Amino acid sequence: MALAEEDIAFIKQHLGEWLAEQSLGKPPAVYEIELRERMVRVEEELKHQRELMRQGFEAMAKRFEQVDKRFEQVDKRFEQVDKRFDEMLKRHDHQFLWLVGFIATSAGLLVAAMRFLL
């Protein structure tokens, strides 16, 4: 059962009207205006979201800078602690040499006293 050419032309002519009737009974011009308004709202919302994302990224960048500054402070503190340990090791080395000298001198005096007494 094929359609006649007249039927096909009729369908093509009225198809837009029928589709507009199915979409809440609004004429095509009103429906098109609503679609455009929706698109504008969507574009504005996307622009707003993009701005919010940009602000979020800027806030994260500032936070990373703060963390970097904190790490620099911690690095400086570690350098100070390293200097203290180096100074402490030098003092202990110096004290150790004095102790070894004292023990050697005491041992020498003890040996000398033992020879003198015997």
C-alpha atoms as a PDB file:
ATOM      1  CA  MET A   1       0.000   0.000   0.000  1.00  0.00           C
ATOM      2  CA  ALA A   2       2.049   2.870  -1.319  1.00  0.00           C
ATOM      3  CA  LEU A   3       1.225   6.495  -0.655  1.00  0.00           C
ATOM      4  CA  ALA A   4       0.275   8.731  -3.481  1.00  0.00           C
ATOM      5  CA  GLU A   5       2.413  11.729  -4.355  1.00  0.00           C
ATOM      6  CA  GLU A   6      -0.373  14.000  -3.133  1.00  0.00           C
ATOM      7  CA  ASP A   7      -0.364  12.300   0.270  1.00  0.00           C
ATOM      8  CA  ILE A   8       3.404  12.631   0.608  1.00  0.00           C
ATOM      9  CA  ALA A   9       3.249  16.332  -0.284  1.00  0.00           C
ATOM     10  CA  PHE A  10       0.434  16.836   2.237  1.00  0.00           C
ATOM     11  CA  ILE A  11       2.439  15.109   4.978  1.00  0.00           C
ATOM     12  CA  LYS A  12       5.539  17.182   4.235  1.00  0.00           C
ATOM     13  CA  GLN A  13       3.510  20.365   4.252  1.00  0.00           C
ATOM     14  CA  HIS A  14       1.877  19.719   7.636  1.00  0.00           C
ATOM     15  CA  LEU A  15       4.640  17.765   9.413  1.00  0.00           C
ATOM     16  CA  GLY A  16       6.044  20.863  11.179  1.00  0.00           C
ATOM     17  CA  GLU A  17       2.619  21.846  12.469  1.00  0.00           C
ATOM     18  CA  TRP A  18       1.948  18.345  13.783  1.00  0.00           C
ATOM     19  CA  LEU A  19       5.277  18.211  15.585  1.00  0.00           C
ATOM     20  CA  ALA A  20       4.604  21.623  17.140  1.00  0.00           C
ATOM     21  CA  GLU A  21       1.183  20.404  18.307  1.00  0.00           C
ATOM     22  CA  GLN A  22       2.831  17.406  19.975  1.00  0.00           C
ATOM     23  CA  SER A  23       5.259  19.649  21.897  1.00  0.00           C
ATOM     24  CA  LEU A  24       2.718  21.179  24.307  1.00  0.00           C
ATOM     25  CA  GLY A  25       0.590  22.691  21.559  1.00  0.00           C
ATOM     26  CA  LYS A  26       2.842  25.691  20.939  1.00  0.00           C
ATOM     27  CA  PRO A  27       3.397  27.119  17.491  1.00  0.00           C
ATOM     28  CA  PRO A  28       6.812  26.561  15.924  1.00  0.00           C
ATOM     29  CA  ALA A  29       7.917  30.187  16.391  1.00  0.00           C
ATOM     30  CA  VAL A  30       7.182  30.161  20.148  1.00  0.00           C
ATOM     31  CA  TYR A  31       8.830  26.784  20.544  1.00  0.00           C
ATOM     32  CA  GLU A  32      11.921  28.024  18.691  1.00  0.00           C
ATOM     33  CA  ILE A  33      12.105  31.130  20.887  1.00  0.00           C
ATOM     34  CA  GLU A  34      11.921  28.958  24.007  1.00  0.00           C
ATOM     35  CA  LEU A  35      14.706  26.766  22.680  1.00  0.00           C
ATOM     36  CA  ARG A  36      16.863  29.825  22.032  1.00  0.00           C
ATOM     37  CA  GLU A  37      16.158  31.166  25.525  1.00  0.00           C
ATOM     38  CA  ARG A  38      17.106  27.815  27.004  1.00  0.00           C
ATOM     39  CA  MET A  39      20.308  27.765  24.980  1.00  0.00           C
ATOM     40  CA  VAL A  40      21.155  31.270  26.224  1.00  0.00           C
ATOM     41  CA  ARG A  41      20.537  30.183  29.837  1.00  0.00           C
ATOM     42  CA  VAL A  42      22.677  27.097  29.342  1.00  0.00           C
ATOM     43  CA  GLU A  43      25.470  29.185  27.829  1.00  0.00           C
ATOM     44  CA  GLU A  44      25.288  31.650  30.733  1.00  0.00           C
ATOM     45  CA  GLU A  45      25.393  28.815  33.247  1.00  0.00           C
ATOM     46  CA  LEU A  46      28.377  27.276  31.473  1.00  0.00           C
ATOM     47  CA  LYS A  47      30.106  30.646  31.564  1.00  0.00           C
ATOM     48  CA  HIS A  48      29.359  30.911  35.292  1.00  0.00           C
ATOM     49  CA  GLN A  49      30.655  27.376  35.895  1.00  0.00           C
ATOM     50  CA  ARG A  50      33.824  28.184  33.947  1.00  0.00           C
ATOM     51  CA  GLU A  51      34.354  31.265  36.123  1.00  0.00           C
ATOM     52  CA  LEU A  52      33.829  29.214  39.287  1.00  0.00           C
ATOM     53  CA  MET A  53      36.356  26.656  38.059  1.00  0.00           C
ATOM     54  CA  ARG A  54      38.849  29.424  37.293  1.00  0.00           C
ATOM     55  CA  GLN A  55      38.403  30.825  40.807  1.00  0.00           C
ATOM     56  CA  GLY A  56      38.865  27.358  42.267  1.00  0.00           C
ATOM     57  CA  PHE A  57      42.082  26.858  40.314  1.00  0.00           C
ATOM     58  CA  GLU A  58      43.377  30.247  41.473  1.00  0.00           C
ATOM     59  CA  ALA A  59      42.590  29.333  45.083  1.00  0.00           C
ATOM     60  CA  MET A  60      44.429  26.031  44.657  1.00  0.00           C
ATOM     61  CA  ALA A  61      47.425  27.836  43.170  1.00  0.00           C
ATOM     62  CA  LYS A  62      47.532  30.175  46.177  1.00  0.00           C
ATOM     63  CA  ARG A  63      47.310  27.204  48.524  1.00  0.00           C
ATOM     64  CA  PHE A  64      50.182  25.477  46.719  1.00  0.00           C
ATOM     65  CA  GLU A  65      52.252  28.662  47.075  1.00  0.00           C
ATOM     66  CA  GLN A  66      51.551  28.673  50.811  1.00  0.00           C
ATOM     67  CA  VAL A  67      52.567  25.032  51.070  1.00  0.00           C
ATOM     68  CA  ASP A  68      55.765  25.785  49.139  1.00  0.00           C
ATOM     69  CA  LYS A  69      56.589  28.608  51.569  1.00  0.00           C
ATOM     70  CA  ARG A  70      55.988  26.261  54.491  1.00  0.00           C
ATOM     71  CA  PHE A  71      58.321  23.679  52.965  1.00  0.00           C
ATOM     72  CA  GLU A  72      60.969  26.376  52.557  1.00  0.00           C
ATOM     73  CA  GLN A  73      60.652  27.215  56.257  1.00  0.00           C
ATOM     74  CA  VAL A  74      60.961  23.556  57.166  1.00  0.00           C
ATOM     75  CA  ASP A  75      64.041  23.266  54.946  1.00  0.00           C
ATOM     76  CA  LYS A  76      65.621  26.251  56.715  1.00  0.00           C
ATOM     77  CA  ARG A  77      64.855  24.659  60.070  1.00  0.00           C
ATOM     78  CA  PHE A  78      66.489  21.402  58.980  1.00  0.00           C
ATOM     79  CA  GLU A  79      69.559  23.343  57.867  1.00  0.00           C
ATOM     80  CA  GLN A  80      69.771  24.930  61.334  1.00  0.00           C
ATOM     81  CA  VAL A  81      69.462  21.521  62.977  1.00  0.00           C
ATOM     82  CA  ASP A  82      72.188  20.152  60.680  1.00  0.00           C
ATOM     83  CA  LYS A  83      74.478  23.013  61.721  1.00  0.00           C
ATOM     84  CA  ARG A  84      73.804  22.256  65.386  1.00  0.00           C
ATOM     85  CA  PHE A  85      74.616  18.580  64.872  1.00  0.00           C
ATOM     86  CA  ASP A  86      77.847  19.489  63.093  1.00  0.00           C
ATOM     87  CA  GLU A  87      78.863  21.785  65.962  1.00  0.00           C
ATOM     88  CA  MET A  88      77.970  19.104  68.482  1.00  0.00           C
ATOM     89  CA  LEU A  89      80.036  16.511  66.613  1.00  0.00           C
ATOM     90  CA  LYS A  90      83.029  18.883  66.568  1.00  0.00           C
ATOM     91  CA  ARG A  91      82.699  19.423  70.313  1.00  0.00           C
ATOM     92  CA  HIS A  92      82.429  15.695  70.951  1.00  0.00           C
ATOM     93  CA  ASP A  93      85.450  15.039  68.749  1.00  0.00           C
ATOM     94  CA  HIS A  94      87.379  17.665  70.703  1.00  0.00           C
ATOM     95  CA  GLN A  95      86.270  16.173  74.061  1.00  0.00           C
ATOM     96  CA  PHE A  96      87.137  12.682  72.841  1.00  0.00           C
ATOM     97  CA  LEU A  97      90.662  13.789  72.001  1.00  0.00           C
ATOM     98  CA  TRP A  98      91.043  15.315  75.459  1.00  0.00           C
ATOM     99  CA  LEU A  99      89.753  12.093  77.029  1.00  0.00           C
ATOM    100  CA  VAL A 100      92.161   9.947  75.011  1.00  0.00           C
ATOM    101  CA  GLY A 101      95.004  12.285  76.005  1.00  0.00           C
ATOM    102  CA  PHE A 102      94.004  12.092  79.659  1.00  0.00           C
ATOM    103  CA  ILE A 103      93.822   8.290  79.582  1.00  0.00           C
ATOM    104  CA  ALA A 104      97.189   8.038  77.800  1.00  0.00           C
ATOM    105  CA  THR A 105      98.806  10.431  80.266  1.00  0.00           C
ATOM    106  CA  SER A 106      97.304   8.588  83.242  1.00  0.00           C
ATOM    107  CA  ALA A 107      98.467   5.261  81.852  1.00  0.00           C
ATOM    108  CA  GLY A 108     101.961   6.656  81.295  1.00  0.00           C
ATOM    109  CA  LEU A 109     102.132   8.049  84.807  1.00  0.00           C
ATOM    110  CA  LEU A 110     100.885   4.753  86.206  1.00  0.00           C
ATOM    111  CA  VAL A 111     103.532   2.788  84.295  1.00  0.00           C
ATOM    112  CA  ALA A 112     106.226   5.238  85.426  1.00  0.00           C
ATOM    113  CA  ALA A 113     105.081   4.986  89.034  1.00  0.00           C
ATOM    114  CA  MET A 114     105.066   1.182  88.861  1.00  0.00           C
ATOM    115  CA  ARG A 115     108.654   1.130  87.525  1.00  0.00           C
ATOM    116  CA  PHE A 116     109.794   3.637  90.067  1.00  0.00           C
ATOM    117  CA  LEU A 117     108.296   1.677  92.951  1.00  0.00           C
ATOM    118  CA  LEU A 118     109.450  -1.717  91.799  1.00  0.00           C
END
